[in-house]
Amino acid sequence: MILNDVHQGIKKNKARKRLGRGTGSGLGKTAGRGHKGAGSRAGNSSRLGFEGGQMPLARRVAKRGFSNNYFSTQVAIINLSDLDHAFEAGAVVDIEALTGAGFAKKKHDVIKILAKGEITKALTVKAHRFSQQAEAKIVAAGGKIEKVPE
């Protein structure tokens, strides 16, 4: 890459098309509107999704079936190794602390703690769900578990 050439050819403000200014301009005579038809006339506007008489995409696509995915429970998954890195010993790890630490960024309904990794600190962990191994590891490290109602 040559630094001199990085901005070559980049124009910040593109000049507008000047229509109907003679045949030499490339946009003269019909001014880009073609010959005849509704599109060539003044005041023409087609509705949203109109494809010029072709069967529109909204009607071509199959509409059978139903997805229950919209109604499913969104679970934010957090591993024990993440808790071990992010929090000090004796800390209370609740839902606000987890979202503040950036573990549950996306839209979620439930937070679940999984047993991936090791935990060396005694933490009080408050979450909606825990795996059995995660519960065992937290208690073994001297911590406590509190299940928050979903």
N, C-alpha and C. Protein backbone atom coordinates (compact mmCIF):
# COMPACT_ATOMS: atom_id res chain seq x y z
N MET A 1 0.84 -1.19 0.00
CA MET A 1 0.00 0.00 0.00
C MET A 1 0.88 1.25 0.00
N ILE A 2 0.56 2.16 -0.86
CA ILE A 2 1.29 3.43 -0.92
C ILE A 2 0.40 4.49 -0.29
N LEU A 3 0.90 5.15 0.75
CA LEU A 3 0.07 6.08 1.51
C LEU A 3 -0.46 7.23 0.66
N ASN A 4 0.29 7.62 -0.36
CA ASN A 4 -0.16 8.72 -1.21
C ASN A 4 -1.43 8.37 -1.97
N ASP A 5 -1.60 7.07 -2.27
CA ASP A 5 -2.71 6.66 -3.12
C ASP A 5 -3.97 6.25 -2.35
N VAL A 6 -3.91 6.28 -1.02
CA VAL A 6 -5.03 5.79 -0.23
C VAL A 6 -6.31 6.54 -0.54
N HIS A 7 -6.23 7.87 -0.64
CA HIS A 7 -7.43 8.66 -0.84
C HIS A 7 -7.64 9.09 -2.29
N GLN A 8 -6.89 8.50 -3.21
CA GLN A 8 -7.05 8.86 -4.62
C GLN A 8 -8.42 8.41 -5.12
N GLY A 9 -9.12 9.28 -5.79
CA GLY A 9 -10.39 8.91 -6.42
C GLY A 9 -11.58 8.90 -5.49
N ILE A 10 -11.38 9.23 -4.21
CA ILE A 10 -12.51 9.26 -3.28
C ILE A 10 -13.06 10.68 -3.24
N LYS A 11 -14.35 10.80 -3.56
CA LYS A 11 -14.97 12.12 -3.53
C LYS A 11 -15.99 12.12 -2.40
N LYS A 12 -15.88 13.09 -1.51
CA LYS A 12 -16.78 13.12 -0.36
C LYS A 12 -18.19 13.51 -0.75
N ASN A 13 -18.35 14.48 -1.64
CA ASN A 13 -19.68 14.93 -2.04
C ASN A 13 -19.89 14.63 -3.52
N LYS A 14 -20.73 13.62 -3.76
CA LYS A 14 -20.98 13.21 -5.14
C LYS A 14 -21.91 14.22 -5.80
N ALA A 15 -21.57 14.63 -7.01
CA ALA A 15 -22.39 15.60 -7.75
C ALA A 15 -23.71 14.95 -8.15
N ARG A 16 -24.82 15.69 -8.06
CA ARG A 16 -26.12 15.14 -8.41
C ARG A 16 -26.23 14.96 -9.92
N LYS A 17 -27.10 14.04 -10.34
CA LYS A 17 -27.34 13.82 -11.76
C LYS A 17 -28.13 15.02 -12.31
N ARG A 18 -27.63 15.62 -13.37
CA ARG A 18 -28.38 16.72 -14.00
C ARG A 18 -29.07 16.14 -15.23
N LEU A 19 -30.37 15.94 -15.10
CA LEU A 19 -31.14 15.24 -16.13
C LEU A 19 -31.63 16.20 -17.21
N GLY A 20 -31.76 15.66 -18.42
CA GLY A 20 -32.36 16.41 -19.52
C GLY A 20 -31.51 17.58 -19.98
N ARG A 21 -30.20 17.39 -20.07
CA ARG A 21 -29.31 18.48 -20.48
C ARG A 21 -28.60 18.15 -21.80
N GLY A 22 -29.33 17.57 -22.73
CA GLY A 22 -28.76 17.29 -24.05
C GLY A 22 -28.28 15.86 -24.19
N THR A 23 -28.22 15.39 -25.44
CA THR A 23 -27.86 13.99 -25.70
C THR A 23 -26.42 13.68 -25.32
N GLY A 24 -25.55 14.67 -25.42
CA GLY A 24 -24.13 14.42 -25.10
C GLY A 24 -23.90 14.09 -23.63
N SER A 25 -24.80 14.46 -22.76
CA SER A 25 -24.61 14.22 -21.32
C SER A 25 -24.89 12.77 -20.95
N GLY A 26 -25.59 12.03 -21.83
CA GLY A 26 -25.95 10.66 -21.52
C GLY A 26 -27.27 10.58 -20.77
N LEU A 27 -27.79 11.70 -20.31
CA LEU A 27 -29.07 11.72 -19.62
C LEU A 27 -29.99 12.76 -20.24
N GLY A 28 -29.87 12.95 -21.53
CA GLY A 28 -30.72 13.92 -22.22
C GLY A 28 -31.98 13.26 -22.72
N LYS A 29 -32.75 13.95 -23.56
CA LYS A 29 -33.99 13.48 -24.18
C LYS A 29 -34.94 12.88 -23.15
N THR A 30 -34.92 11.58 -22.88
CA THR A 30 -35.89 10.98 -21.96
C THR A 30 -35.43 11.11 -20.51
N ALA A 31 -34.25 11.60 -20.27
CA ALA A 31 -33.73 11.86 -18.92
C ALA A 31 -33.72 10.63 -18.02
N GLY A 32 -33.36 9.48 -18.61
CA GLY A 32 -33.22 8.27 -17.82
C GLY A 32 -34.53 7.58 -17.50
N ARG A 33 -35.66 8.06 -18.07
CA ARG A 33 -36.96 7.49 -17.75
C ARG A 33 -37.42 6.46 -18.78
N GLY A 34 -36.70 6.27 -19.86
CA GLY A 34 -37.10 5.32 -20.88
C GLY A 34 -38.21 5.88 -21.74
N HIS A 35 -38.79 5.04 -22.63
CA HIS A 35 -39.84 5.48 -23.55
C HIS A 35 -41.20 5.02 -23.07
N LYS A 36 -42.15 5.91 -23.04
CA LYS A 36 -43.56 5.61 -22.74
C LYS A 36 -43.74 4.90 -21.39
N GLY A 37 -44.96 4.57 -21.06
CA GLY A 37 -45.27 3.86 -19.84
C GLY A 37 -45.40 4.79 -18.64
N ALA A 38 -45.91 4.24 -17.56
CA ALA A 38 -46.20 5.05 -16.38
C ALA A 38 -44.94 5.69 -15.81
N GLY A 39 -43.80 4.97 -15.87
CA GLY A 39 -42.56 5.49 -15.30
C GLY A 39 -42.03 6.71 -16.00
N SER A 40 -42.46 6.94 -17.24
CA SER A 40 -41.98 8.09 -17.99
C SER A 40 -42.80 9.34 -17.70
N ARG A 41 -43.97 9.16 -17.09
CA ARG A 41 -44.88 10.27 -16.85
C ARG A 41 -44.58 10.95 -15.51
N ALA A 42 -44.98 12.20 -15.43
CA ALA A 42 -44.86 12.94 -14.17
C ALA A 42 -45.89 12.42 -13.18
N GLY A 43 -45.55 12.44 -11.92
CA GLY A 43 -46.51 12.03 -10.88
C GLY A 43 -46.58 10.54 -10.67
N ASN A 44 -45.72 9.77 -11.30
CA ASN A 44 -45.76 8.32 -11.13
C ASN A 44 -45.10 7.93 -9.82
N SER A 45 -45.77 7.09 -9.06
CA SER A 45 -45.14 6.47 -7.88
C SER A 45 -45.79 5.12 -7.67
N SER A 46 -45.00 4.09 -7.49
CA SER A 46 -45.55 2.75 -7.29
C SER A 46 -45.49 2.42 -5.81
N ARG A 47 -46.38 1.53 -5.39
CA ARG A 47 -46.47 1.18 -3.97
C ARG A 47 -45.26 0.36 -3.54
N LEU A 48 -45.09 0.25 -2.26
CA LEU A 48 -43.98 -0.49 -1.67
C LEU A 48 -44.04 -1.96 -2.09
N GLY A 49 -42.95 -2.51 -2.57
CA GLY A 49 -42.89 -3.91 -2.96
C GLY A 49 -43.37 -4.18 -4.37
N PHE A 50 -43.74 -3.14 -5.13
CA PHE A 50 -44.21 -3.33 -6.51
C PHE A 50 -43.03 -3.68 -7.39
N GLU A 51 -43.17 -4.72 -8.21
CA GLU A 51 -42.08 -5.19 -9.05
C GLU A 51 -42.44 -5.13 -10.52
N GLY A 52 -43.20 -4.12 -10.92
CA GLY A 52 -43.51 -3.92 -12.33
C GLY A 52 -44.42 -4.96 -12.91
N GLY A 53 -45.33 -5.51 -12.15
CA GLY A 53 -46.27 -6.50 -12.66
C GLY A 53 -45.79 -7.93 -12.45
N GLN A 54 -44.49 -8.11 -12.18
CA GLN A 54 -43.97 -9.44 -11.85
C GLN A 54 -44.56 -9.85 -10.50
N MET A 55 -44.71 -11.16 -10.28
CA MET A 55 -45.24 -11.63 -9.01
C MET A 55 -44.28 -11.19 -7.89
N PRO A 56 -44.73 -10.39 -6.95
CA PRO A 56 -43.82 -9.83 -5.94
C PRO A 56 -43.23 -10.90 -5.02
N LEU A 57 -42.09 -10.58 -4.49
CA LEU A 57 -41.38 -11.51 -3.61
C LEU A 57 -42.25 -11.94 -2.43
N ALA A 58 -43.00 -11.01 -1.87
CA ALA A 58 -43.85 -11.31 -0.72
C ALA A 58 -44.90 -12.35 -1.06
N ARG A 59 -45.27 -12.47 -2.33
CA ARG A 59 -46.25 -13.48 -2.73
C ARG A 59 -45.60 -14.74 -3.30
N ARG A 60 -44.32 -14.65 -3.70
CA ARG A 60 -43.62 -15.83 -4.25
C ARG A 60 -43.14 -16.76 -3.15
N VAL A 61 -42.79 -16.19 -1.99
CA VAL A 61 -42.20 -16.99 -0.92
C VAL A 61 -43.27 -17.80 -0.21
N ALA A 62 -42.95 -19.05 0.11
CA ALA A 62 -43.90 -19.93 0.79
C ALA A 62 -44.20 -19.41 2.19
N LYS A 63 -45.44 -19.54 2.61
CA LYS A 63 -45.83 -19.02 3.91
C LYS A 63 -46.41 -20.10 4.82
N ARG A 64 -46.14 -21.34 4.53
CA ARG A 64 -46.66 -22.40 5.39
C ARG A 64 -45.82 -22.54 6.64
N GLY A 65 -46.41 -23.10 7.65
CA GLY A 65 -45.66 -23.43 8.85
C GLY A 65 -45.69 -22.32 9.87
N PHE A 66 -45.17 -22.64 11.05
CA PHE A 66 -45.17 -21.72 12.17
C PHE A 66 -43.92 -21.99 12.98
N SER A 67 -43.27 -20.93 13.42
CA SER A 67 -42.07 -21.10 14.24
C SER A 67 -42.39 -20.65 15.66
N ASN A 68 -42.12 -21.50 16.59
CA ASN A 68 -42.35 -21.19 18.00
C ASN A 68 -41.13 -20.49 18.60
N ASN A 69 -40.13 -20.22 17.79
CA ASN A 69 -38.87 -19.67 18.26
C ASN A 69 -39.05 -18.32 18.95
N TYR A 70 -40.01 -17.55 18.48
CA TYR A 70 -40.26 -16.23 19.06
C TYR A 70 -40.63 -16.33 20.54
N PHE A 71 -41.31 -17.41 20.90
CA PHE A 71 -41.81 -17.58 22.26
C PHE A 71 -40.85 -18.36 23.14
N SER A 72 -39.70 -18.78 22.60
CA SER A 72 -38.77 -19.60 23.38
C SER A 72 -38.05 -18.76 24.43
N THR A 73 -37.53 -19.42 25.46
CA THR A 73 -36.80 -18.75 26.53
C THR A 73 -35.36 -18.54 26.09
N GLN A 74 -34.89 -17.29 26.15
CA GLN A 74 -33.51 -16.97 25.77
C GLN A 74 -32.61 -17.14 27.00
N VAL A 75 -31.65 -18.06 26.92
CA VAL A 75 -30.80 -18.37 28.05
C VAL A 75 -29.41 -17.79 27.81
N ALA A 76 -28.95 -16.97 28.76
CA ALA A 76 -27.57 -16.46 28.71
C ALA A 76 -26.70 -17.43 29.49
N ILE A 77 -25.67 -17.98 28.83
CA ILE A 77 -24.83 -19.01 29.43
C ILE A 77 -23.52 -18.38 29.92
N ILE A 78 -23.16 -18.66 31.17
CA ILE A 78 -21.93 -18.13 31.76
C ILE A 78 -21.18 -19.29 32.40
N ASN A 79 -19.88 -19.37 32.12
CA ASN A 79 -19.05 -20.44 32.65
C ASN A 79 -18.39 -20.03 33.96
N LEU A 80 -18.03 -21.04 34.76
CA LEU A 80 -17.38 -20.77 36.05
C LEU A 80 -16.04 -20.08 35.88
N SER A 81 -15.30 -20.42 34.81
CA SER A 81 -13.99 -19.79 34.59
C SER A 81 -14.15 -18.29 34.38
N ASP A 82 -15.26 -17.87 33.74
CA ASP A 82 -15.52 -16.44 33.54
C ASP A 82 -15.76 -15.75 34.88
N LEU A 83 -16.53 -16.38 35.75
CA LEU A 83 -16.79 -15.81 37.07
C LEU A 83 -15.50 -15.70 37.88
N ASP A 84 -14.65 -16.72 37.76
CA ASP A 84 -13.39 -16.74 38.52
C ASP A 84 -12.49 -15.59 38.11
N HIS A 85 -12.47 -15.27 36.81
CA HIS A 85 -11.62 -14.17 36.32
C HIS A 85 -12.19 -12.80 36.67
N ALA A 86 -13.52 -12.68 36.61
CA ALA A 86 -14.14 -11.35 36.67
C ALA A 86 -14.38 -10.84 38.08
N PHE A 87 -14.57 -11.72 39.06
CA PHE A 87 -14.99 -11.27 40.39
C PHE A 87 -13.95 -11.62 41.45
N GLU A 88 -13.90 -10.78 42.48
CA GLU A 88 -12.99 -10.99 43.62
C GLU A 88 -13.61 -12.00 44.58
N ALA A 89 -12.77 -12.57 45.45
CA ALA A 89 -13.25 -13.53 46.44
C ALA A 89 -14.22 -12.84 47.39
N GLY A 90 -15.32 -13.55 47.72
CA GLY A 90 -16.32 -13.01 48.63
C GLY A 90 -17.36 -12.13 47.97
N ALA A 91 -17.27 -11.93 46.67
CA ALA A 91 -18.19 -11.04 45.97
C ALA A 91 -19.56 -11.71 45.82
N VAL A 92 -20.60 -10.87 45.76
CA VAL A 92 -21.94 -11.36 45.48
C VAL A 92 -22.19 -11.18 43.98
N VAL A 93 -22.34 -12.29 43.29
CA VAL A 93 -22.51 -12.27 41.83
C VAL A 93 -24.00 -12.44 41.54
N ASP A 94 -24.69 -11.32 41.34
CA ASP A 94 -26.11 -11.39 41.01
C ASP A 94 -26.31 -10.98 39.55
N ILE A 95 -27.57 -10.89 39.14
CA ILE A 95 -27.87 -10.62 37.73
C ILE A 95 -27.35 -9.25 37.31
N GLU A 96 -27.48 -8.24 38.19
CA GLU A 96 -26.99 -6.89 37.87
C GLU A 96 -25.47 -6.89 37.70
N ALA A 97 -24.76 -7.63 38.57
CA ALA A 97 -23.30 -7.70 38.48
C ALA A 97 -22.87 -8.40 37.19
N LEU A 98 -23.60 -9.44 36.79
CA LEU A 98 -23.26 -10.17 35.56
C LEU A 98 -23.49 -9.32 34.32
N THR A 99 -24.60 -8.58 34.29
CA THR A 99 -24.85 -7.72 33.13
C THR A 99 -23.87 -6.55 33.12
N GLY A 100 -23.52 -6.05 34.30
CA GLY A 100 -22.54 -4.96 34.40
C GLY A 100 -21.16 -5.39 33.93
N ALA A 101 -20.81 -6.66 34.18
CA ALA A 101 -19.51 -7.19 33.77
C ALA A 101 -19.50 -7.58 32.30
N GLY A 102 -20.66 -7.50 31.63
CA GLY A 102 -20.73 -7.77 30.20
C GLY A 102 -20.95 -9.22 29.83
N PHE A 103 -21.41 -10.04 30.78
CA PHE A 103 -21.62 -11.45 30.47
C PHE A 103 -22.98 -11.71 29.83
N ALA A 104 -23.98 -10.90 30.15
CA ALA A 104 -25.32 -11.10 29.59
C ALA A 104 -25.70 -9.85 28.81
N LYS A 105 -25.05 -9.68 27.64
CA LYS A 105 -25.24 -8.47 26.85
C LYS A 105 -26.53 -8.49 26.06
N LYS A 106 -26.81 -9.61 25.41
CA LYS A 106 -27.97 -9.69 24.53
C LYS A 106 -29.25 -9.84 25.34
N LYS A 107 -30.39 -9.76 24.64
CA LYS A 107 -31.68 -9.91 25.30
C LYS A 107 -31.78 -11.35 25.82
N HIS A 108 -32.08 -11.48 27.10
CA HIS A 108 -32.19 -12.81 27.69
C HIS A 108 -33.30 -12.82 28.73
N ASP A 109 -33.84 -14.03 28.96
CA ASP A 109 -34.88 -14.21 29.97
C ASP A 109 -34.30 -14.87 31.21
N VAL A 110 -33.29 -15.72 31.01
CA VAL A 110 -32.75 -16.55 32.08
C VAL A 110 -31.23 -16.56 32.00
N ILE A 111 -30.57 -16.61 33.16
CA ILE A 111 -29.12 -16.77 33.20
C ILE A 111 -28.82 -18.15 33.78
N LYS A 112 -27.95 -18.89 33.09
CA LYS A 112 -27.58 -20.23 33.56
C LYS A 112 -26.07 -20.30 33.73
N ILE A 113 -25.64 -20.87 34.85
CA ILE A 113 -24.22 -21.03 35.15
C ILE A 113 -23.83 -22.46 34.82
N LEU A 114 -22.79 -22.61 33.98
CA LEU A 114 -22.29 -23.93 33.61
C LEU A 114 -20.92 -24.17 34.23
N ALA A 115 -20.51 -25.44 34.28
CA ALA A 115 -19.33 -25.84 35.05
C ALA A 115 -18.03 -25.83 34.26
N LYS A 116 -17.98 -25.20 33.09
CA LYS A 116 -16.75 -25.20 32.30
C LYS A 116 -15.68 -24.38 33.01
N GLY A 117 -14.51 -24.95 33.19
CA GLY A 117 -13.43 -24.27 33.88
C GLY A 117 -13.48 -24.54 35.38
N GLU A 118 -12.53 -23.96 36.09
CA GLU A 118 -12.46 -24.15 37.54
C GLU A 118 -12.77 -22.84 38.25
N ILE A 119 -13.23 -22.94 39.50
CA ILE A 119 -13.46 -21.77 40.34
C ILE A 119 -12.64 -21.94 41.62
N THR A 120 -11.87 -20.92 41.95
CA THR A 120 -10.96 -21.00 43.10
C THR A 120 -11.39 -20.07 44.23
N LYS A 121 -12.37 -19.19 43.96
CA LYS A 121 -12.78 -18.19 44.95
C LYS A 121 -14.15 -18.54 45.51
N ALA A 122 -14.37 -18.12 46.76
CA ALA A 122 -15.68 -18.32 47.38
C ALA A 122 -16.59 -17.17 46.95
N LEU A 123 -17.56 -17.48 46.10
CA LEU A 123 -18.48 -16.47 45.59
C LEU A 123 -19.92 -16.84 45.97
N THR A 124 -20.73 -15.82 46.19
CA THR A 124 -22.16 -16.04 46.36
C THR A 124 -22.80 -15.76 45.00
N VAL A 125 -23.26 -16.81 44.35
CA VAL A 125 -23.76 -16.69 42.98
C VAL A 125 -25.29 -16.77 42.99
N LYS A 126 -25.93 -15.72 42.42
CA LYS A 126 -27.39 -15.69 42.30
C LYS A 126 -27.73 -15.73 40.81
N ALA A 127 -28.42 -16.78 40.39
CA ALA A 127 -28.81 -16.92 38.99
C ALA A 127 -30.10 -17.74 38.91
N HIS A 128 -30.67 -17.81 37.71
CA HIS A 128 -31.91 -18.55 37.53
C HIS A 128 -31.68 -20.06 37.52
N ARG A 129 -30.60 -20.48 36.83
CA ARG A 129 -30.35 -21.92 36.69
C ARG A 129 -28.87 -22.22 36.89
N PHE A 130 -28.58 -23.44 37.35
CA PHE A 130 -27.22 -23.93 37.52
C PHE A 130 -27.16 -25.36 37.03
N SER A 131 -26.03 -25.75 36.42
CA SER A 131 -25.86 -27.17 36.13
C SER A 131 -25.44 -27.84 37.45
N GLN A 132 -25.64 -29.16 37.53
CA GLN A 132 -25.32 -29.88 38.77
C GLN A 132 -23.84 -29.77 39.10
N GLN A 133 -22.99 -29.89 38.08
CA GLN A 133 -21.55 -29.80 38.31
C GLN A 133 -21.14 -28.40 38.76
N ALA A 134 -21.80 -27.38 38.20
CA ALA A 134 -21.48 -26.01 38.59
C ALA A 134 -21.83 -25.78 40.05
N GLU A 135 -22.98 -26.28 40.48
CA GLU A 135 -23.37 -26.17 41.88
C GLU A 135 -22.33 -26.82 42.78
N ALA A 136 -21.92 -28.03 42.40
CA ALA A 136 -20.95 -28.78 43.21
C ALA A 136 -19.61 -28.04 43.29
N LYS A 137 -19.15 -27.47 42.18
CA LYS A 137 -17.86 -26.77 42.17
C LYS A 137 -17.92 -25.48 42.99
N ILE A 138 -19.02 -24.74 42.91
CA ILE A 138 -19.13 -23.50 43.68
C ILE A 138 -19.13 -23.79 45.17
N VAL A 139 -19.90 -24.81 45.59
CA VAL A 139 -19.96 -25.18 47.01
C VAL A 139 -18.61 -25.71 47.47
N ALA A 140 -17.93 -26.49 46.64
CA ALA A 140 -16.62 -27.04 46.99
C ALA A 140 -15.57 -25.94 47.17
N ALA A 141 -15.74 -24.82 46.45
CA ALA A 141 -14.80 -23.70 46.58
C ALA A 141 -15.14 -22.81 47.77
N GLY A 142 -16.21 -23.16 48.51
CA GLY A 142 -16.58 -22.38 49.69
C GLY A 142 -17.62 -21.32 49.40
N GLY A 143 -18.25 -21.36 48.25
CA GLY A 143 -19.24 -20.35 47.88
C GLY A 143 -20.66 -20.80 48.18
N LYS A 144 -21.61 -19.93 47.85
CA LYS A 144 -23.02 -20.24 48.06
C LYS A 144 -23.78 -20.05 46.75
N ILE A 145 -24.93 -20.75 46.69
CA ILE A 145 -25.79 -20.68 45.51
C ILE A 145 -27.16 -20.19 45.94
N GLU A 146 -27.71 -19.24 45.18
CA GLU A 146 -29.07 -18.79 45.42
C GLU A 146 -29.79 -18.78 44.08
N LYS A 147 -30.87 -19.55 43.99
CA LYS A 147 -31.63 -19.60 42.74
C LYS A 147 -32.67 -18.48 42.74
N VAL A 148 -32.62 -17.68 41.68
CA VAL A 148 -33.57 -16.59 41.51
C VAL A 148 -34.76 -17.14 40.74
N PRO A 149 -35.98 -16.83 41.15
CA PRO A 149 -37.14 -17.35 40.39
C PRO A 149 -37.16 -16.80 38.95
N GLU A 150 -37.56 -17.65 38.02
CA GLU A 150 -37.56 -17.28 36.60
C GLU A 150 -38.73 -16.38 36.27
